[in-house]
C-alpha atoms as a PDB file:
ATOM      1  CA  UNK A   1     -12.051  52.944  49.698  1.00  0.00           C
ATOM      2  CA  UNK A   2      -9.396  54.384  47.222  1.00  0.00           C
ATOM      3  CA  UNK A   3      -7.319  52.188  44.924  1.00  0.00           C
ATOM      4  CA  UNK A   4      -4.298  52.056  47.067  1.00  0.00           C
ATOM      5  CA  UNK A   5      -6.429  50.961  50.168  1.00  0.00           C
ATOM      6  CA  UNK A   6      -7.862  48.306  48.032  1.00  0.00           C
ATOM      7  CA  UNK A   7      -4.261  47.069  46.898  1.00  0.00           C
ATOM      8  CA  UNK A   8      -2.959  47.206  50.419  1.00  0.00           C
ATOM      9  CA  UNK A   9      -5.926  45.334  51.915  1.00  0.00           C
ATOM     10  CA  UNK A  10      -5.332  42.724  49.303  1.00  0.00           C
ATOM     11  CA  UNK A  11      -1.836  42.598  50.038  1.00  0.00           C
ATOM     12  CA  UNK A  12      -2.407  42.402  53.780  1.00  0.00           C
ATOM     13  CA  UNK A  13      -4.917  39.328  53.264  1.00  0.00           C
ATOM     14  CA  UNK A  14      -2.314  37.748  51.121  1.00  0.00           C
ATOM     15  CA  UNK A  15       0.202  37.823  53.666  1.00  0.00           C
ATOM     16  CA  UNK A  16      -2.117  36.807  56.319  1.00  0.00           C
ATOM     17  CA  UNK A  17      -2.185  33.338  54.565  1.00  0.00           C
ATOM     18  CA  UNK A  18       1.080  31.264  55.312  1.00  0.00           C
ATOM     19  CA  UNK A  19       1.468  28.980  52.371  1.00  0.00           C
ATOM     20  CA  UNK A  20       4.848  27.549  53.076  1.00  0.00           C
ATOM     21  CA  UNK A  21       3.733  24.872  55.384  1.00  0.00           C
ATOM     22  CA  UNK A  22       1.036  23.629  52.702  1.00  0.00           C
ATOM     23  CA  UNK A  23       3.950  23.488  50.001  1.00  0.00           C
ATOM     24  CA  UNK A  24       6.220  21.649  52.308  1.00  0.00           C
ATOM     25  CA  UNK A  25       3.324  19.163  52.994  1.00  0.00           C
ATOM     26  CA  UNK A  26       2.777  18.613  49.205  1.00  0.00           C
ATOM     27  CA  UNK A  27       6.376  17.654  48.878  1.00  0.00           C
ATOM     28  CA  UNK A  28       6.297  15.349  51.919  1.00  0.00           C
ATOM     29  CA  UNK A  29       3.403  13.501  50.277  1.00  0.00           C
ATOM     30  CA  UNK A  30       4.933  13.102  46.903  1.00  0.00           C
ATOM     31  CA  UNK A  31       7.971  11.612  48.438  1.00  0.00           C
ATOM     32  CA  UNK A  32      11.524  12.183  47.325  1.00  0.00           C
ATOM     33  CA  UNK A  33      13.269  11.110  44.492  1.00  0.00           C
ATOM     34  CA  UNK A  34      15.657   9.234  46.534  1.00  0.00           C
ATOM     35  CA  UNK A  35      13.188   7.132  47.885  1.00  0.00           C
ATOM     36  CA  UNK A  36      12.174   5.606  44.239  1.00  0.00           C
ATOM     37  CA  UNK A  37      14.061   2.706  43.187  1.00  0.00           C
ATOM     38  CA  UNK A  38      15.979   3.157  39.966  1.00  0.00           C
ATOM     39  CA  UNK A  39      14.166   1.731  36.754  1.00  0.00           C
ATOM     40  CA  UNK A  40      16.580  -0.172  34.482  1.00  0.00           C
ATOM     41  CA  UNK A  41      15.452  -0.428  31.006  1.00  0.00           C
ATOM     42  CA  UNK A  42      16.844  -2.519  28.095  1.00  0.00           C
ATOM     43  CA  UNK A  43      15.458  -2.960  24.717  1.00  0.00           C
ATOM     44  CA  UNK A  44      17.177  -5.677  22.638  1.00  0.00           C
ATOM     45  CA  UNK A  45      16.405  -6.987  19.090  1.00  0.00           C
ATOM     46  CA  UNK A  46      17.006 -10.363  17.923  1.00  0.00           C
ATOM     47  CA  UNK A  47      19.144 -10.448  14.615  1.00  0.00           C
ATOM     48  CA  UNK A  48      16.634 -12.008  12.995  1.00  0.00           C
ATOM     49  CA  UNK A  49      14.573  -8.763  13.444  1.00  0.00           C
ATOM     50  CA  UNK A  50      17.040  -6.517  12.018  1.00  0.00           C
ATOM     51  CA  UNK A  51      17.267  -8.972   9.101  1.00  0.00           C
ATOM     52  CA  UNK A  52      13.651  -8.768   8.411  1.00  0.00           C
ATOM     53  CA  UNK A  53      13.552  -4.960   8.263  1.00  0.00           C
ATOM     54  CA  UNK A  54      16.559  -4.761   6.187  1.00  0.00           C
ATOM     55  CA  UNK A  55      15.308  -7.264   3.581  1.00  0.00           C
ATOM     56  CA  UNK A  56      11.660  -6.195   3.612  1.00  0.00           C
ATOM     57  CA  UNK A  57      12.999  -2.532   3.059  1.00  0.00           C
ATOM     58  CA  UNK A  58      15.361  -3.714   0.182  1.00  0.00           C
ATOM     59  CA  UNK A  59      12.504  -5.636  -1.389  1.00  0.00           C
ATOM     60  CA  UNK A  60      10.815  -2.184  -2.060  1.00  0.00           C
ATOM     61  CA  UNK A  61      13.459  -0.758  -3.968  1.00  0.00           C
ATOM     62  CA  UNK A  62      12.699  -1.017  -7.727  1.00  0.00           C
ATOM     63  CA  UNK A  63      15.512  -2.698 -10.005  1.00  0.00           C
ATOM     64  CA  UNK A  64      16.507  -5.121  -7.142  1.00  0.00           C
ATOM     65  CA  UNK A  65      14.753  -8.256  -8.073  1.00  0.00           C
ATOM     66  CA  UNK A  66      15.640 -10.528  -5.265  1.00  0.00           C
ATOM     67  CA  UNK A  67      17.734 -10.992  -2.179  1.00  0.00           C
ATOM     68  CA  UNK A  68      19.637 -14.553  -2.507  1.00  0.00           C
ATOM     69  CA  UNK A  69      19.485 -16.979   0.396  1.00  0.00           C
ATOM     70  CA  UNK A  70      22.796 -18.362  -0.126  1.00  0.00           C
ATOM     71  CA  UNK A  71      24.009 -21.460  -1.815  1.00  0.00           C
ATOM     72  CA  UNK A  72      21.215 -23.393  -1.083  1.00  0.00           C
ATOM     73  CA  UNK A  73      18.662 -20.926  -2.374  1.00  0.00           C
ATOM     74  CA  UNK A  74      15.613 -22.606  -3.825  1.00  0.00           C
ATOM     75  CA  UNK A  75      15.480 -21.164  -7.504  1.00  0.00           C
ATOM     76  CA  UNK A  76      11.379 -21.644  -7.320  1.00  0.00           C
ATOM     77  CA  UNK A  77      11.294 -18.995  -4.801  1.00  0.00           C
ATOM     78  CA  UNK A  78      12.701 -16.719  -7.433  1.00  0.00           C
ATOM     79  CA  UNK A  79      10.969 -13.268  -7.760  1.00  0.00           C
ATOM     80  CA  UNK A  80       8.800 -13.732  -4.333  1.00  0.00           C
ATOM     81  CA  UNK A  81       9.577 -10.903  -2.791  1.00  0.00           C
ATOM     82  CA  UNK A  82       7.604 -11.572   0.506  1.00  0.00           C
ATOM     83  CA  UNK A  83       8.432 -15.318   1.095  1.00  0.00           C
ATOM     84  CA  UNK A  84      11.526 -15.066   3.369  1.00  0.00           C
ATOM     85  CA  UNK A  85      12.372 -11.343   3.926  1.00  0.00           C
ATOM     86  CA  UNK A  86      15.786 -12.469   6.011  1.00  0.00           C
ATOM     87  CA  UNK A  87      16.870 -14.709   2.856  1.00  0.00           C
ATOM     88  CA  UNK A  88      20.250 -12.922   1.357  1.00  0.00           C
ATOM     89  CA  UNK A  89      20.478 -10.548   4.480  1.00  0.00           C
ATOM     90  CA  UNK A  90      23.190 -11.113   7.345  1.00  0.00           C
ATOM     91  CA  UNK A  91      23.489  -8.502  10.118  1.00  0.00           C
ATOM     92  CA  UNK A  92      25.961  -8.101  12.899  1.00  0.00           C
ATOM     93  CA  UNK A  93      25.112  -5.984  15.940  1.00  0.00           C
ATOM     94  CA  UNK A  94      28.233  -4.879  18.090  1.00  0.00           C
ATOM     95  CA  UNK A  95      28.077  -4.328  21.756  1.00  0.00           C
ATOM     96  CA  UNK A  96      27.377  -0.700  21.348  1.00  0.00           C
ATOM     97  CA  UNK A  97      24.094  -1.334  19.170  1.00  0.00           C
ATOM     98  CA  UNK A  98      25.883  -0.474  15.918  1.00  0.00           C
ATOM     99  CA  UNK A  99      24.708  -2.422  13.157  1.00  0.00           C
ATOM    100  CA  UNK A 100      26.389  -3.846   9.880  1.00  0.00           C
ATOM    101  CA  UNK A 101      24.398  -5.444   7.089  1.00  0.00           C
ATOM    102  CA  UNK A 102      25.478  -7.549   4.308  1.00  0.00           C
ATOM    103  CA  UNK A 103      22.945  -8.090   1.416  1.00  0.00           C
ATOM    104  CA  UNK A 104      23.512 -10.717  -1.465  1.00  0.00           C
ATOM    105  CA  UNK A 105      21.335  -9.273  -4.167  1.00  0.00           C
ATOM    106  CA  UNK A 106      19.941 -10.234  -7.807  1.00  0.00           C
ATOM    107  CA  UNK A 107      19.043  -6.972  -9.830  1.00  0.00           C
ATOM    108  CA  UNK A 108      17.761  -6.279 -13.338  1.00  0.00           C
ATOM    109  CA  UNK A 109      20.301  -6.187 -16.147  1.00  0.00           C
ATOM    110  CA  UNK A 110      20.785  -2.612 -17.394  1.00  0.00           C
ATOM    111  CA  UNK A 111      20.082  -0.882 -14.003  1.00  0.00           C
ATOM    112  CA  UNK A 112      22.424   1.394 -12.579  1.00  0.00           C
ATOM    113  CA  UNK A 113      23.682  -0.593  -9.398  1.00  0.00           C
ATOM    114  CA  UNK A 114      25.208   2.340  -7.657  1.00  0.00           C
ATOM    115  CA  UNK A 115      22.008   4.283  -7.655  1.00  0.00           C
ATOM    116  CA  UNK A 116      19.708   1.423  -6.557  1.00  0.00           C
ATOM    117  CA  UNK A 117      22.582   0.651  -3.796  1.00  0.00           C
ATOM    118  CA  UNK A 118      22.326   4.141  -2.493  1.00  0.00           C
ATOM    119  CA  UNK A 119      18.356   3.822  -2.530  1.00  0.00           C
ATOM    120  CA  UNK A 120      18.755   0.446  -0.526  1.00  0.00           C
ATOM    121  CA  UNK A 121      21.377   2.059   1.944  1.00  0.00           C
ATOM    122  CA  UNK A 122      19.261   5.176   2.772  1.00  0.00           C
ATOM    123  CA  UNK A 123      16.035   3.303   3.182  1.00  0.00           C
ATOM    124  CA  UNK A 124      17.671   0.549   5.525  1.00  0.00           C
ATOM    125  CA  UNK A 125      19.441   3.375   7.447  1.00  0.00           C
ATOM    126  CA  UNK A 126      16.099   5.175   8.044  1.00  0.00           C
ATOM    127  CA  UNK A 127      13.944   2.337   8.627  1.00  0.00           C
ATOM    128  CA  UNK A 128      16.295   0.481  11.186  1.00  0.00           C
ATOM    129  CA  UNK A 129      16.659   3.548  13.077  1.00  0.00           C
ATOM    130  CA  UNK A 130      13.167   4.227  13.105  1.00  0.00           C
ATOM    131  CA  UNK A 131      12.195   0.847  14.152  1.00  0.00           C
ATOM    132  CA  UNK A 132      14.868   0.134  16.615  1.00  0.00           C
ATOM    133  CA  UNK A 133      16.710   3.247  17.565  1.00  0.00           C
ATOM    134  CA  UNK A 134      20.029   1.567  16.329  1.00  0.00           C
ATOM    135  CA  UNK A 135      22.526   3.201  13.967  1.00  0.00           C
ATOM    136  CA  UNK A 136      23.630   1.391  10.843  1.00  0.00           C
ATOM    137  CA  UNK A 137      27.070   2.001  10.308  1.00  0.00           C
ATOM    138  CA  UNK A 138      27.640  -0.159   7.228  1.00  0.00           C
ATOM    139  CA  UNK A 139      25.896  -1.817   4.498  1.00  0.00           C
ATOM    140  CA  UNK A 140      27.799  -4.085   1.936  1.00  0.00           C
ATOM    141  CA  UNK A 141      25.629  -5.357  -1.207  1.00  0.00           C
ATOM    142  CA  UNK A 142      27.128  -8.125  -3.391  1.00  0.00           C
ATOM    143  CA  UNK A 143      25.354  -8.375  -6.705  1.00  0.00           C
ATOM    144  CA  UNK A 144      25.401 -12.151  -7.429  1.00  0.00           C
ATOM    145  CA  UNK A 145      23.720 -11.732 -10.778  1.00  0.00           C
ATOM    146  CA  UNK A 146      22.007  -9.600 -13.044  1.00  0.00           C
ATOM    147  CA  UNK A 147      18.981 -10.879 -14.992  1.00  0.00           C
ATOM    148  CA  UNK A 148      17.775  -9.970 -18.519  1.00  0.00           C
ATOM    149  CA  UNK A 149      14.142  -9.388 -19.263  1.00  0.00           C
ATOM    150  CA  UNK A 150      14.180 -12.701 -21.055  1.00  0.00           C
ATOM    151  CA  UNK A 151      15.722 -14.399 -18.005  1.00  0.00           C
ATOM    152  CA  UNK A 152      13.050 -12.897 -16.023  1.00  0.00           C
ATOM    153  CA  UNK A 153      10.267 -13.935 -17.944  1.00  0.00           C
ATOM    154  CA  UNK A 154      11.396 -17.505 -18.353  1.00  0.00           C
ATOM    155  CA  UNK A 155      11.786 -17.737 -14.407  1.00  0.00           C
ATOM    156  CA  UNK A 156       8.302 -16.272 -14.102  1.00  0.00           C
ATOM    157  CA  UNK A 157       7.124 -19.184 -16.590  1.00  0.00           C
ATOM    158  CA  UNK A 158       8.748 -21.844 -14.397  1.00  0.00           C
ATOM    159  CA  UNK A 159       7.441 -20.365 -11.469  1.00  0.00           C
ATOM    160  CA  UNK A 160       3.735 -20.043 -12.799  1.00  0.00           C
ATOM    161  CA  UNK A 161       3.973 -23.745 -13.741  1.00  0.00           C
ATOM    162  CA  UNK A 162       5.243 -24.840 -10.479  1.00  0.00           C
ATOM    163  CA  UNK A 163       2.207 -22.917  -8.669  1.00  0.00           C
ATOM    164  CA  UNK A 164      -0.171 -24.438 -10.998  1.00  0.00           C
ATOM    165  CA  UNK A 165       1.028 -27.785 -10.008  1.00  0.00           C
ATOM    166  CA  UNK A 166       0.936 -26.988  -6.380  1.00  0.00           C
ATOM    167  CA  UNK A 167      -2.664 -25.625  -7.059  1.00  0.00           C
ATOM    168  CA  UNK A 168      -3.885 -28.735  -9.018  1.00  0.00           C
ATOM    169  CA  UNK A 169      -2.417 -31.202  -6.043  1.00  0.00           C
ATOM    170  CA  UNK A 170      -4.223 -29.084  -3.548  1.00  0.00           C
ATOM    171  CA  UNK A 171      -7.415 -29.470  -5.509  1.00  0.00           C
ATOM    172  CA  UNK A 172      -6.966 -33.244  -5.781  1.00  0.00           C
ATOM    173  CA  UNK A 173      -6.445 -33.284  -1.985  1.00  0.00           C
ATOM    174  CA  UNK A 174      -9.676 -31.328  -1.382  1.00  0.00           C
ATOM    175  CA  UNK A 175     -11.598 -33.913  -3.410  1.00  0.00           C
ATOM    176  CA  UNK A 176     -10.019 -36.800  -1.693  1.00  0.00           C
ATOM    177  CA  UNK A 177     -11.372 -35.467   1.450  1.00  0.00           C
ATOM    178  CA  UNK A 178     -14.840 -34.964   0.557  1.00  0.00           C
ATOM    179  CA  UNK A 179     -17.354 -37.353   1.998  1.00  0.00           C
ATOM    180  CA  UNK A 180     -18.865 -39.914  -0.495  1.00  0.00           C
END
């Protein structure tokens, strides 16, 4: 058998097998796209989630000491960056899932506020987009105070004393609860 005869023989055998009905049956088994119900999907985030992302992100930026919780902010929580990551953060999410973030901040005296603000803004925009898919269209930060190193040390000393009192109080409670 020559090469041409072999090729013709393969072609003949190939043409003898009609694959069209098999393909049509396959498509019938899978069903058509029009038979499937339309899937409706909606992912929403509570404003508190956006506040937490923004607050936690801002807390990681050097030079930003804290975000203020408003007029009734408890000074004993000074410099505790993880206690309430939503404190000092408000957000507005419009109908098109565009986010505006407002921050009330205390910064370290002597730091370049515009530089820190740019770092905070870039990080918030990135993290909100990565975690939620939403676009941050505005970030506004009001610097409520700039603390000197001396003021920071004084606040840390006050906080340390408060923590010691809480710790001593817990130890006293433990002693009272032990069996006699």
